[in-house]
């Protein structure tokens, strides 16, 4: 059995459909048993604050309930640090 990796998922877009897809993909990544850190960069967090739809918020809540590190909002510099320290990275722009 392989060792769980630390996967950083960085969401850095102001396109609502990309944010939704990034969070759905992050939930899917949990099925491999990896540890996730999900960083929603400032501009994506602003879009989430402005929306009344609960889909992305449910994704963030699900990830947190599964014990993953969810950071929202995150300054771009902090997201860059996550990218440098993770075993694998997904960046959604």
PDB file of N, CA and C in Angstrom:
ATOM      1  N   UNK A   1       0.841  -1.186   0.000  1.00  0.00           N
ATOM      2  CA  UNK A   1       0.000   0.000   0.000  1.00  0.00           C
ATOM      3  C   UNK A   1       0.886   1.248   0.000  1.00  0.00           C
ATOM      4  N   UNK A   2       0.520   2.211  -0.816  1.00  0.00           N
ATOM      5  CA  UNK A   2       1.342   3.405  -0.940  1.00  0.00           C
ATOM      6  C   UNK A   2       1.089   4.380   0.208  1.00  0.00           C
ATOM      7  N   UNK A   3       2.092   5.175   0.472  1.00  0.00           N
ATOM      8  CA  UNK A   3       2.009   6.211   1.498  1.00  0.00           C
ATOM      9  C   UNK A   3       1.105   7.347   0.991  1.00  0.00           C
ATOM     10  N   UNK A   4       0.196   7.868   1.836  1.00  0.00           N
ATOM     11  CA  UNK A   4      -0.629   9.003   1.394  1.00  0.00           C
ATOM     12  C   UNK A   4       0.253  10.214   1.083  1.00  0.00           C
ATOM     13  N   UNK A   5      -0.086  10.888   0.008  1.00  0.00           N
ATOM     14  CA  UNK A   5       0.637  12.098  -0.379  1.00  0.00           C
ATOM     15  C   UNK A   5      -0.084  13.322   0.154  1.00  0.00           C
ATOM     16  N   UNK A   6       0.640  14.425   0.216  1.00  0.00           N
ATOM     17  CA  UNK A   6       0.027  15.716   0.539  1.00  0.00           C
ATOM     18  C   UNK A   6      -0.241  16.418  -0.791  1.00  0.00           C
ATOM     19  N   UNK A   7      -1.502  16.625  -1.091  1.00  0.00           N
ATOM     20  CA  UNK A   7      -1.911  17.257  -2.345  1.00  0.00           C
ATOM     21  C   UNK A   7      -2.454  18.651  -2.041  1.00  0.00           C
ATOM     22  N   UNK A   8      -1.911  19.652  -2.710  1.00  0.00           N
ATOM     23  CA  UNK A   8      -2.413  21.020  -2.593  1.00  0.00           C
ATOM     24  C   UNK A   8      -3.334  21.294  -3.775  1.00  0.00           C
ATOM     25  N   UNK A   9      -4.523  21.758  -3.476  1.00  0.00           N
ATOM     26  CA  UNK A   9      -5.476  22.170  -4.515  1.00  0.00           C
ATOM     27  C   UNK A   9      -5.650  23.676  -4.350  1.00  0.00           C
ATOM     28  N   UNK A  10      -5.203  24.418  -5.346  1.00  0.00           N
ATOM     29  CA  UNK A  10      -5.265  25.878  -5.304  1.00  0.00           C
ATOM     30  C   UNK A  10      -6.328  26.350  -6.282  1.00  0.00           C
ATOM     31  N   UNK A  11      -7.286  27.102  -5.774  1.00  0.00           N
ATOM     32  CA  UNK A  11      -8.367  27.647  -6.609  1.00  0.00           C
ATOM     33  C   UNK A  11      -8.112  29.145  -6.739  1.00  0.00           C
ATOM     34  N   UNK A  12      -7.710  29.561  -7.934  1.00  0.00           N
ATOM     35  CA  UNK A  12      -7.342  30.961  -8.167  1.00  0.00           C
ATOM     36  C   UNK A  12      -7.999  31.445  -9.455  1.00  0.00           C
ATOM     37  N   UNK A  13      -9.285  31.615  -9.405  1.00  0.00           N
ATOM     38  CA  UNK A  13     -10.055  32.061 -10.567  1.00  0.00           C
ATOM     39  C   UNK A  13     -11.263  32.849 -10.088  1.00  0.00           C
ATOM     40  N   UNK A  14     -11.773  33.698 -10.952  1.00  0.00           N
ATOM     41  CA  UNK A  14     -13.019  34.375 -10.618  1.00  0.00           C
ATOM     42  C   UNK A  14     -14.185  33.836 -11.456  1.00  0.00           C
ATOM     43  N   UNK A  15     -13.946  32.732 -12.149  1.00  0.00           N
ATOM     44  CA  UNK A  15     -14.990  32.077 -12.944  1.00  0.00           C
ATOM     45  C   UNK A  15     -15.735  31.075 -12.055  1.00  0.00           C
ATOM     46  N   UNK A  16     -16.987  31.348 -11.813  1.00  0.00           N
ATOM     47  CA  UNK A  16     -17.781  30.556 -10.882  1.00  0.00           C
ATOM     48  C   UNK A  16     -17.821  29.075 -11.264  1.00  0.00           C
ATOM     49  N   UNK A  17     -17.963  28.745 -12.534  1.00  0.00           N
ATOM     50  CA  UNK A  17     -18.031  27.342 -12.933  1.00  0.00           C
ATOM     51  C   UNK A  17     -16.708  26.616 -12.673  1.00  0.00           C
ATOM     52  N   UNK A  18     -15.587  27.305 -12.812  1.00  0.00           N
ATOM     53  CA  UNK A  18     -14.276  26.704 -12.511  1.00  0.00           C
ATOM     54  C   UNK A  18     -14.117  26.457 -11.014  1.00  0.00           C
ATOM     55  N   UNK A  19     -14.613  27.368 -10.198  1.00  0.00           N
ATOM     56  CA  UNK A  19     -14.558  27.180  -8.743  1.00  0.00           C
ATOM     57  C   UNK A  19     -15.367  25.948  -8.358  1.00  0.00           C
ATOM     58  N   UNK A  20     -16.578  25.842  -8.886  1.00  0.00           N
ATOM     59  CA  UNK A  20     -17.427  24.677  -8.608  1.00  0.00           C
ATOM     60  C   UNK A  20     -16.730  23.378  -9.004  1.00  0.00           C
ATOM     61  N   UNK A  21     -16.156  23.353 -10.198  1.00  0.00           N
ATOM     62  CA  UNK A  21     -15.492  22.148 -10.695  1.00  0.00           C
ATOM     63  C   UNK A  21     -14.254  21.813  -9.859  1.00  0.00           C
ATOM     64  N   UNK A  22     -13.502  22.825  -9.458  1.00  0.00           N
ATOM     65  CA  UNK A  22     -12.310  22.594  -8.638  1.00  0.00           C
ATOM     66  C   UNK A  22     -12.676  21.936  -7.312  1.00  0.00           C
ATOM     67  N   UNK A  23     -13.746  22.387  -6.699  1.00  0.00           N
ATOM     68  CA  UNK A  23     -14.139  21.820  -5.405  1.00  0.00           C
ATOM     69  C   UNK A  23     -14.714  20.416  -5.562  1.00  0.00           C
ATOM     70  N   UNK A  24     -15.433  20.165  -6.650  1.00  0.00           N
ATOM     71  CA  UNK A  24     -15.906  18.795  -6.912  1.00  0.00           C
ATOM     72  C   UNK A  24     -14.716  17.864  -7.132  1.00  0.00           C
ATOM     73  N   UNK A  25     -13.729  18.338  -7.885  1.00  0.00           N
ATOM     74  CA  UNK A  25     -12.535  17.525  -8.133  1.00  0.00           C
ATOM     75  C   UNK A  25     -11.774  17.261  -6.839  1.00  0.00           C
ATOM     76  N   UNK A  26     -11.702  18.246  -5.975  1.00  0.00           N
ATOM     77  CA  UNK A  26     -11.003  18.075  -4.697  1.00  0.00           C
ATOM     78  C   UNK A  26     -11.671  16.993  -3.853  1.00  0.00           C
ATOM     79  N   UNK A  27     -12.991  16.998  -3.817  1.00  0.00           N
ATOM     80  CA  UNK A  27     -13.699  15.943  -3.082  1.00  0.00           C
ATOM     81  C   UNK A  27     -13.364  14.585  -3.697  1.00  0.00           C
ATOM     82  N   UNK A  28     -13.307  14.509  -5.013  1.00  0.00           N
ATOM     83  CA  UNK A  28     -12.949  13.259  -5.681  1.00  0.00           C
ATOM     84  C   UNK A  28     -11.543  12.795  -5.344  1.00  0.00           C
ATOM     85  N   UNK A  29     -10.619  13.728  -5.182  1.00  0.00           N
ATOM     86  CA  UNK A  29      -9.236  13.369  -4.847  1.00  0.00           C
ATOM     87  C   UNK A  29      -9.143  12.680  -3.490  1.00  0.00           C
ATOM     88  N   UNK A  30     -10.083  12.931  -2.619  1.00  0.00           N
ATOM     89  CA  UNK A  30     -10.044  12.319  -1.289  1.00  0.00           C
ATOM     90  C   UNK A  30     -10.229  10.806  -1.366  1.00  0.00           C
ATOM     91  N   UNK A  31     -10.778  10.302  -2.451  1.00  0.00           N
ATOM     92  CA  UNK A  31     -11.037   8.867  -2.585  1.00  0.00           C
ATOM     93  C   UNK A  31      -9.751   8.055  -2.675  1.00  0.00           C
ATOM     94  N   UNK A  32      -8.638   8.697  -3.016  1.00  0.00           N
ATOM     95  CA  UNK A  32      -7.361   7.994  -3.104  1.00  0.00           C
ATOM     96  C   UNK A  32      -6.662   7.872  -1.756  1.00  0.00           C
ATOM     97  N   UNK A  33      -7.202   8.538  -0.738  1.00  0.00           N
ATOM     98  CA  UNK A  33      -6.606   8.456   0.584  1.00  0.00           C
ATOM     99  C   UNK A  33      -5.507   9.472   0.837  1.00  0.00           C
ATOM    100  N   UNK A  34      -5.336  10.434  -0.070  1.00  0.00           N
ATOM    101  CA  UNK A  34      -4.315  11.459   0.114  1.00  0.00           C
ATOM    102  C   UNK A  34      -4.807  12.531   1.086  1.00  0.00           C
ATOM    103  N   UNK A  35      -3.866  13.246   1.690  1.00  0.00           N
ATOM    104  CA  UNK A  35      -4.187  14.390   2.545  1.00  0.00           C
ATOM    105  C   UNK A  35      -4.264  15.626   1.649  1.00  0.00           C
ATOM    106  N   UNK A  36      -5.317  16.388   1.761  1.00  0.00           N
ATOM    107  CA  UNK A  36      -5.488  17.568   0.920  1.00  0.00           C
ATOM    108  C   UNK A  36      -5.394  18.850   1.732  1.00  0.00           C
ATOM    109  N   UNK A  37      -4.804  19.855   1.107  1.00  0.00           N
ATOM    110  CA  UNK A  37      -4.930  21.232   1.566  1.00  0.00           C
ATOM    111  C   UNK A  37      -5.564  21.983   0.408  1.00  0.00           C
ATOM    112  N   UNK A  38      -6.734  22.538   0.659  1.00  0.00           N
ATOM    113  CA  UNK A  38      -7.447  23.287  -0.370  1.00  0.00           C
ATOM    114  C   UNK A  38      -7.320  24.764  -0.032  1.00  0.00           C
ATOM    115  N   UNK A  39      -6.750  25.522  -0.960  1.00  0.00           N
ATOM    116  CA  UNK A  39      -6.547  26.957  -0.766  1.00  0.00           C
ATOM    117  C   UNK A  39      -7.377  27.725  -1.782  1.00  0.00           C
ATOM    118  N   UNK A  40      -8.342  28.467  -1.289  1.00  0.00           N
ATOM    119  CA  UNK A  40      -9.173  29.309  -2.150  1.00  0.00           C
ATOM    120  C   UNK A  40      -8.589  30.719  -2.066  1.00  0.00           C
ATOM    121  N   UNK A  41      -7.922  31.123  -3.149  1.00  0.00           N
ATOM    122  CA  UNK A  41      -7.220  32.407  -3.188  1.00  0.00           C
ATOM    123  C   UNK A  41      -8.234  33.549  -3.144  1.00  0.00           C
ATOM    124  N   UNK A  42      -7.775  34.697  -2.685  1.00  0.00           N
ATOM    125  CA  UNK A  42      -8.633  35.852  -2.412  1.00  0.00           C
ATOM    126  C   UNK A  42      -9.712  36.123  -3.452  1.00  0.00           C
ATOM    127  N   UNK A  43      -9.330  36.184  -4.732  1.00  0.00           N
ATOM    128  CA  UNK A  43     -10.336  36.559  -5.743  1.00  0.00           C
ATOM    129  C   UNK A  43     -11.410  35.489  -5.893  1.00  0.00           C
ATOM    130  N   UNK A  44     -11.070  34.218  -5.735  1.00  0.00           N
ATOM    131  CA  UNK A  44     -12.073  33.157  -5.776  1.00  0.00           C
ATOM    132  C   UNK A  44     -12.961  33.219  -4.536  1.00  0.00           C
ATOM    133  N   UNK A  45     -12.369  33.541  -3.394  1.00  0.00           N
ATOM    134  CA  UNK A  45     -13.151  33.665  -2.159  1.00  0.00           C
ATOM    135  C   UNK A  45     -14.173  34.798  -2.276  1.00  0.00           C
ATOM    136  N   UNK A  46     -13.800  35.867  -2.962  1.00  0.00           N
ATOM    137  CA  UNK A  46     -14.728  36.981  -3.172  1.00  0.00           C
ATOM    138  C   UNK A  46     -15.935  36.527  -3.983  1.00  0.00           C
ATOM    139  N   UNK A  47     -15.708  35.722  -5.005  1.00  0.00           N
ATOM    140  CA  UNK A  47     -16.811  35.189  -5.816  1.00  0.00           C
ATOM    141  C   UNK A  47     -17.716  34.314  -4.940  1.00  0.00           C
ATOM    142  N   UNK A  48     -17.118  33.492  -4.082  1.00  0.00           N
ATOM    143  CA  UNK A  48     -17.919  32.631  -3.209  1.00  0.00           C
ATOM    144  C   UNK A  48     -18.769  33.444  -2.242  1.00  0.00           C
ATOM    145  N   UNK A  49     -18.236  34.544  -1.748  1.00  0.00           N
ATOM    146  CA  UNK A  49     -18.985  35.402  -0.833  1.00  0.00           C
ATOM    147  C   UNK A  49     -20.192  36.030  -1.510  1.00  0.00           C
ATOM    148  N   UNK A  50     -20.090  36.281  -2.802  1.00  0.00           N
ATOM    149  CA  UNK A  50     -21.141  36.975  -3.531  1.00  0.00           C
ATOM    150  C   UNK A  50     -22.247  36.052  -4.033  1.00  0.00           C
ATOM    151  N   UNK A  51     -22.037  34.755  -3.943  1.00  0.00           N
ATOM    152  CA  UNK A  51     -23.006  33.824  -4.505  1.00  0.00           C
ATOM    153  C   UNK A  51     -23.973  33.328  -3.440  1.00  0.00           C
ATOM    154  N   UNK A  52     -25.197  33.132  -3.843  1.00  0.00           N
ATOM    155  CA  UNK A  52     -26.191  32.591  -2.934  1.00  0.00           C
ATOM    156  C   UNK A  52     -26.321  31.081  -3.054  1.00  0.00           C
ATOM    157  N   UNK A  53     -25.696  30.502  -4.057  1.00  0.00           N
ATOM    158  CA  UNK A  53     -25.766  29.068  -4.303  1.00  0.00           C
ATOM    159  C   UNK A  53     -24.859  28.333  -3.324  1.00  0.00           C
ATOM    160  N   UNK A  54     -25.354  27.265  -2.723  1.00  0.00           N
ATOM    161  CA  UNK A  54     -24.596  26.560  -1.707  1.00  0.00           C
ATOM    162  C   UNK A  54     -23.665  25.482  -2.210  1.00  0.00           C
ATOM    163  N   UNK A  55     -23.635  25.199  -3.524  1.00  0.00           N
ATOM    164  CA  UNK A  55     -22.798  24.100  -4.023  1.00  0.00           C
ATOM    165  C   UNK A  55     -21.335  24.216  -3.627  1.00  0.00           C
ATOM    166  N   UNK A  56     -20.667  25.332  -3.883  1.00  0.00           N
ATOM    167  CA  UNK A  56     -19.252  25.384  -3.508  1.00  0.00           C
ATOM    168  C   UNK A  56     -19.054  25.348  -1.995  1.00  0.00           C
ATOM    169  N   UNK A  57     -19.970  25.926  -1.265  1.00  0.00           N
ATOM    170  CA  UNK A  57     -19.863  25.913   0.197  1.00  0.00           C
ATOM    171  C   UNK A  57     -20.028  24.494   0.741  1.00  0.00           C
ATOM    172  N   UNK A  58     -20.901  23.711   0.112  1.00  0.00           N
ATOM    173  CA  UNK A  58     -21.048  22.301   0.516  1.00  0.00           C
ATOM    174  C   UNK A  58     -19.763  21.535   0.248  1.00  0.00           C
ATOM    175  N   UNK A  59     -19.107  21.819  -0.874  1.00  0.00           N
ATOM    176  CA  UNK A  59     -17.839  21.160  -1.182  1.00  0.00           C
ATOM    177  C   UNK A  59     -16.784  21.478  -0.145  1.00  0.00           C
ATOM    178  N   UNK A  60     -16.678  22.746   0.235  1.00  0.00           N
ATOM    179  CA  UNK A  60     -15.709  23.137   1.262  1.00  0.00           C
ATOM    180  C   UNK A  60     -16.046  22.482   2.603  1.00  0.00           C
ATOM    181  N   UNK A  61     -17.326  22.455   2.942  1.00  0.00           N
ATOM    182  CA  UNK A  61     -17.741  21.842   4.212  1.00  0.00           C
ATOM    183  C   UNK A  61     -17.466  20.340   4.207  1.00  0.00           C
ATOM    184  N   UNK A  62     -17.716  19.685   3.084  1.00  0.00           N
ATOM    185  CA  UNK A  62     -17.457  18.249   2.987  1.00  0.00           C
ATOM    186  C   UNK A  62     -15.977  17.961   3.185  1.00  0.00           C
ATOM    187  N   UNK A  63     -15.130  18.727   2.540  1.00  0.00           N
ATOM    188  CA  UNK A  63     -13.685  18.534   2.687  1.00  0.00           C
ATOM    189  C   UNK A  63     -13.252  18.730   4.141  1.00  0.00           C
ATOM    190  N   UNK A  64     -13.786  19.751   4.779  1.00  0.00           N
ATOM    191  CA  UNK A  64     -13.441  20.001   6.182  1.00  0.00           C
ATOM    192  C   UNK A  64     -13.935  18.858   7.079  1.00  0.00           C
ATOM    193  N   UNK A  65     -15.145  18.368   6.828  1.00  0.00           N
ATOM    194  CA  UNK A  65     -15.692  17.268   7.630  1.00  0.00           C
ATOM    195  C   UNK A  65     -14.882  15.988   7.452  1.00  0.00           C
ATOM    196  N   UNK A  66     -14.282  15.820   6.292  1.00  0.00           N
ATOM    197  CA  UNK A  66     -13.443  14.647   6.052  1.00  0.00           C
ATOM    198  C   UNK A  66     -12.045  14.805   6.651  1.00  0.00           C
ATOM    199  N   UNK A  67     -11.791  15.946   7.282  1.00  0.00           N
ATOM    200  CA  UNK A  67     -10.531  16.156   7.978  1.00  0.00           C
ATOM    201  C   UNK A  67      -9.428  16.790   7.158  1.00  0.00           C
ATOM    202  N   UNK A  68      -9.775  17.354   6.015  1.00  0.00           N
ATOM    203  CA  UNK A  68      -8.768  17.996   5.175  1.00  0.00           C
ATOM    204  C   UNK A  68      -8.647  19.470   5.551  1.00  0.00           C
ATOM    205  N   UNK A  69      -7.511  20.042   5.229  1.00  0.00           N
ATOM    206  CA  UNK A  69      -7.210  21.432   5.554  1.00  0.00           C
ATOM    207  C   UNK A  69      -7.824  22.336   4.487  1.00  0.00           C
ATOM    208  N   UNK A  70      -8.810  23.135   4.879  1.00  0.00           N
ATOM    209  CA  UNK A  70      -9.489  24.038   3.951  1.00  0.00           C
ATOM    210  C   UNK A  70      -9.166  25.469   4.376  1.00  0.00           C
ATOM    211  N   UNK A  71      -8.594  26.217   3.459  1.00  0.00           N
ATOM    212  CA  UNK A  71      -8.206  27.600   3.748  1.00  0.00           C
ATOM    213  C   UNK A  71      -8.905  28.542   2.781  1.00  0.00           C
ATOM    214  N   UNK A  72      -9.726  29.426   3.324  1.00  0.00           N
ATOM    215  CA  UNK A  72     -10.502  30.343   2.492  1.00  0.00           C
ATOM    216  C   UNK A  72     -10.813  31.589   3.316  1.00  0.00           C
ATOM    217  N   UNK A  73     -10.382  32.734   2.899  1.00  0.00           N
ATOM    218  CA  UNK A  73      -9.522  33.070   1.756  1.00  0.00           C
ATOM    219  C   UNK A  73      -8.039  32.917   2.114  1.00  0.00           C
ATOM    220  N   UNK A  74      -7.246  32.813   1.075  1.00  0.00           N
ATOM    221  CA  UNK A  74      -5.800  32.666   1.225  1.00  0.00           C
ATOM    222  C   UNK A  74      -5.116  33.699   0.332  1.00  0.00           C
ATOM    223  N   UNK A  75      -4.153  34.443   0.869  1.00  0.00           N
ATOM    224  CA  UNK A  75      -3.382  35.347  -0.003  1.00  0.00           C
ATOM    225  C   UNK A  75      -2.573  34.527  -1.016  1.00  0.00           C
ATOM    226  N   UNK A  76      -2.326  35.097  -2.157  1.00  0.00           N
ATOM    227  CA  UNK A  76      -1.594  34.391  -3.213  1.00  0.00           C
ATOM    228  C   UNK A  76      -0.225  33.912  -2.736  1.00  0.00           C
ATOM    229  N   UNK A  77       0.444  34.670  -1.892  1.00  0.00           N
ATOM    230  CA  UNK A  77       1.771  34.273  -1.407  1.00  0.00           C
ATOM    231  C   UNK A  77       1.682  32.993  -0.564  1.00  0.00           C
ATOM    232  N   UNK A  78       0.648  32.874   0.233  1.00  0.00           N
ATOM    233  CA  UNK A  78       0.476  31.658   1.050  1.00  0.00           C
ATOM    234  C   UNK A  78       0.180  30.459   0.156  1.00  0.00           C
ATOM    235  N   UNK A  79      -0.585  30.661  -0.899  1.00  0.00           N
ATOM    236  CA  UNK A  79      -0.866  29.578  -1.843  1.00  0.00           C
ATOM    237  C   UNK A  79       0.419  29.141  -2.540  1.00  0.00           C
ATOM    238  N   UNK A  80       1.278  30.078  -2.862  1.00  0.00           N
ATOM    239  CA  UNK A  80       2.556  29.752  -3.506  1.00  0.00           C
ATOM    240  C   UNK A  80       3.417  28.896  -2.581  1.00  0.00           C
ATOM    241  N   UNK A  81       3.367  29.170  -1.292  1.00  0.00           N
ATOM    242  CA  UNK A  81       4.124  28.356  -0.333  1.00  0.00           C
ATOM    243  C   UNK A  81       3.585  26.921  -0.313  1.00  0.00           C
ATOM    244  N   UNK A  82       2.271  26.768  -0.359  1.00  0.00           N
ATOM    245  CA  UNK A  82       1.674  25.423  -0.393  1.00  0.00           C
ATOM    246  C   UNK A  82       2.154  24.643  -1.617  1.00  0.00           C
ATOM    247  N   UNK A  83       2.227  25.321  -2.735  1.00  0.00           N
ATOM    248  CA  UNK A  83       2.659  24.684  -3.985  1.00  0.00           C
ATOM    249  C   UNK A  83       4.078  24.143  -3.841  1.00  0.00           C
ATOM    250  N   UNK A  84       4.920  24.904  -3.172  1.00  0.00           N
ATOM    251  CA  UNK A  84       6.324  24.485  -3.020  1.00  0.00           C
ATOM    252  C   UNK A  84       6.490  23.326  -2.038  1.00  0.00           C
ATOM    253  N   UNK A  85       5.567  23.146  -1.110  1.00  0.00           N
ATOM    254  CA  UNK A  85       5.752  22.145  -0.061  1.00  0.00           C
ATOM    255  C   UNK A  85       4.927  20.873  -0.251  1.00  0.00           C
ATOM    256  N   UNK A  86       4.026  20.844  -1.200  1.00  0.00           N
ATOM    257  CA  UNK A  86       3.157  19.677  -1.402  1.00  0.00           C
ATOM    258  C   UNK A  86       3.851  18.614  -2.254  1.00  0.00           C
ATOM    259  N   UNK A  87       3.391  17.374  -2.114  1.00  0.00           N
ATOM    260  CA  UNK A  87       3.882  16.289  -2.957  1.00  0.00           C
ATOM    261  C   UNK A  87       3.304  16.367  -4.373  1.00  0.00           C
ATOM    262  N   UNK A  88       2.079  16.855  -4.475  1.00  0.00           N
ATOM    263  CA  UNK A  88       1.400  16.992  -5.764  1.00  0.00           C
ATOM    264  C   UNK A  88       0.538  18.251  -5.688  1.00  0.00           C
ATOM    265  N   UNK A  89       0.275  18.857  -6.844  1.00  0.00           N
ATOM    266  CA  UNK A  89      -0.445  20.125  -6.875  1.00  0.00           C
ATOM    267  C   UNK A  89      -1.465  20.123  -7.998  1.00  0.00           C
ATOM    268  N   UNK A  90      -2.638  20.666  -7.715  1.00  0.00           N
ATOM    269  CA  UNK A  90      -3.630  20.992  -8.748  1.00  0.00           C
ATOM    270  C   UNK A  90      -3.936  22.457  -8.619  1.00  0.00           C
ATOM    271  N   UNK A  91      -3.773  23.191  -9.709  1.00  0.00           N
ATOM    272  CA  UNK A  91      -4.080  24.625  -9.696  1.00  0.00           C
ATOM    273  C   UNK A  91      -5.207  24.870 -10.685  1.00  0.00           C
ATOM    274  N   UNK A  92      -6.259  25.466 -10.179  1.00  0.00           N
ATOM    275  CA  UNK A  92      -7.429  25.773 -11.001  1.00  0.00           C
ATOM    276  C   UNK A  92      -7.468  27.277 -11.237  1.00  0.00           C
ATOM    277  N   UNK A  93      -7.322  27.651 -12.507  1.00  0.00           N
ATOM    278  CA  UNK A  93      -7.357  29.067 -12.884  1.00  0.00           C
ATOM    279  C   UNK A  93      -8.484  29.326 -13.843  1.00  0.00           C
TER     280      UNK A  93
END
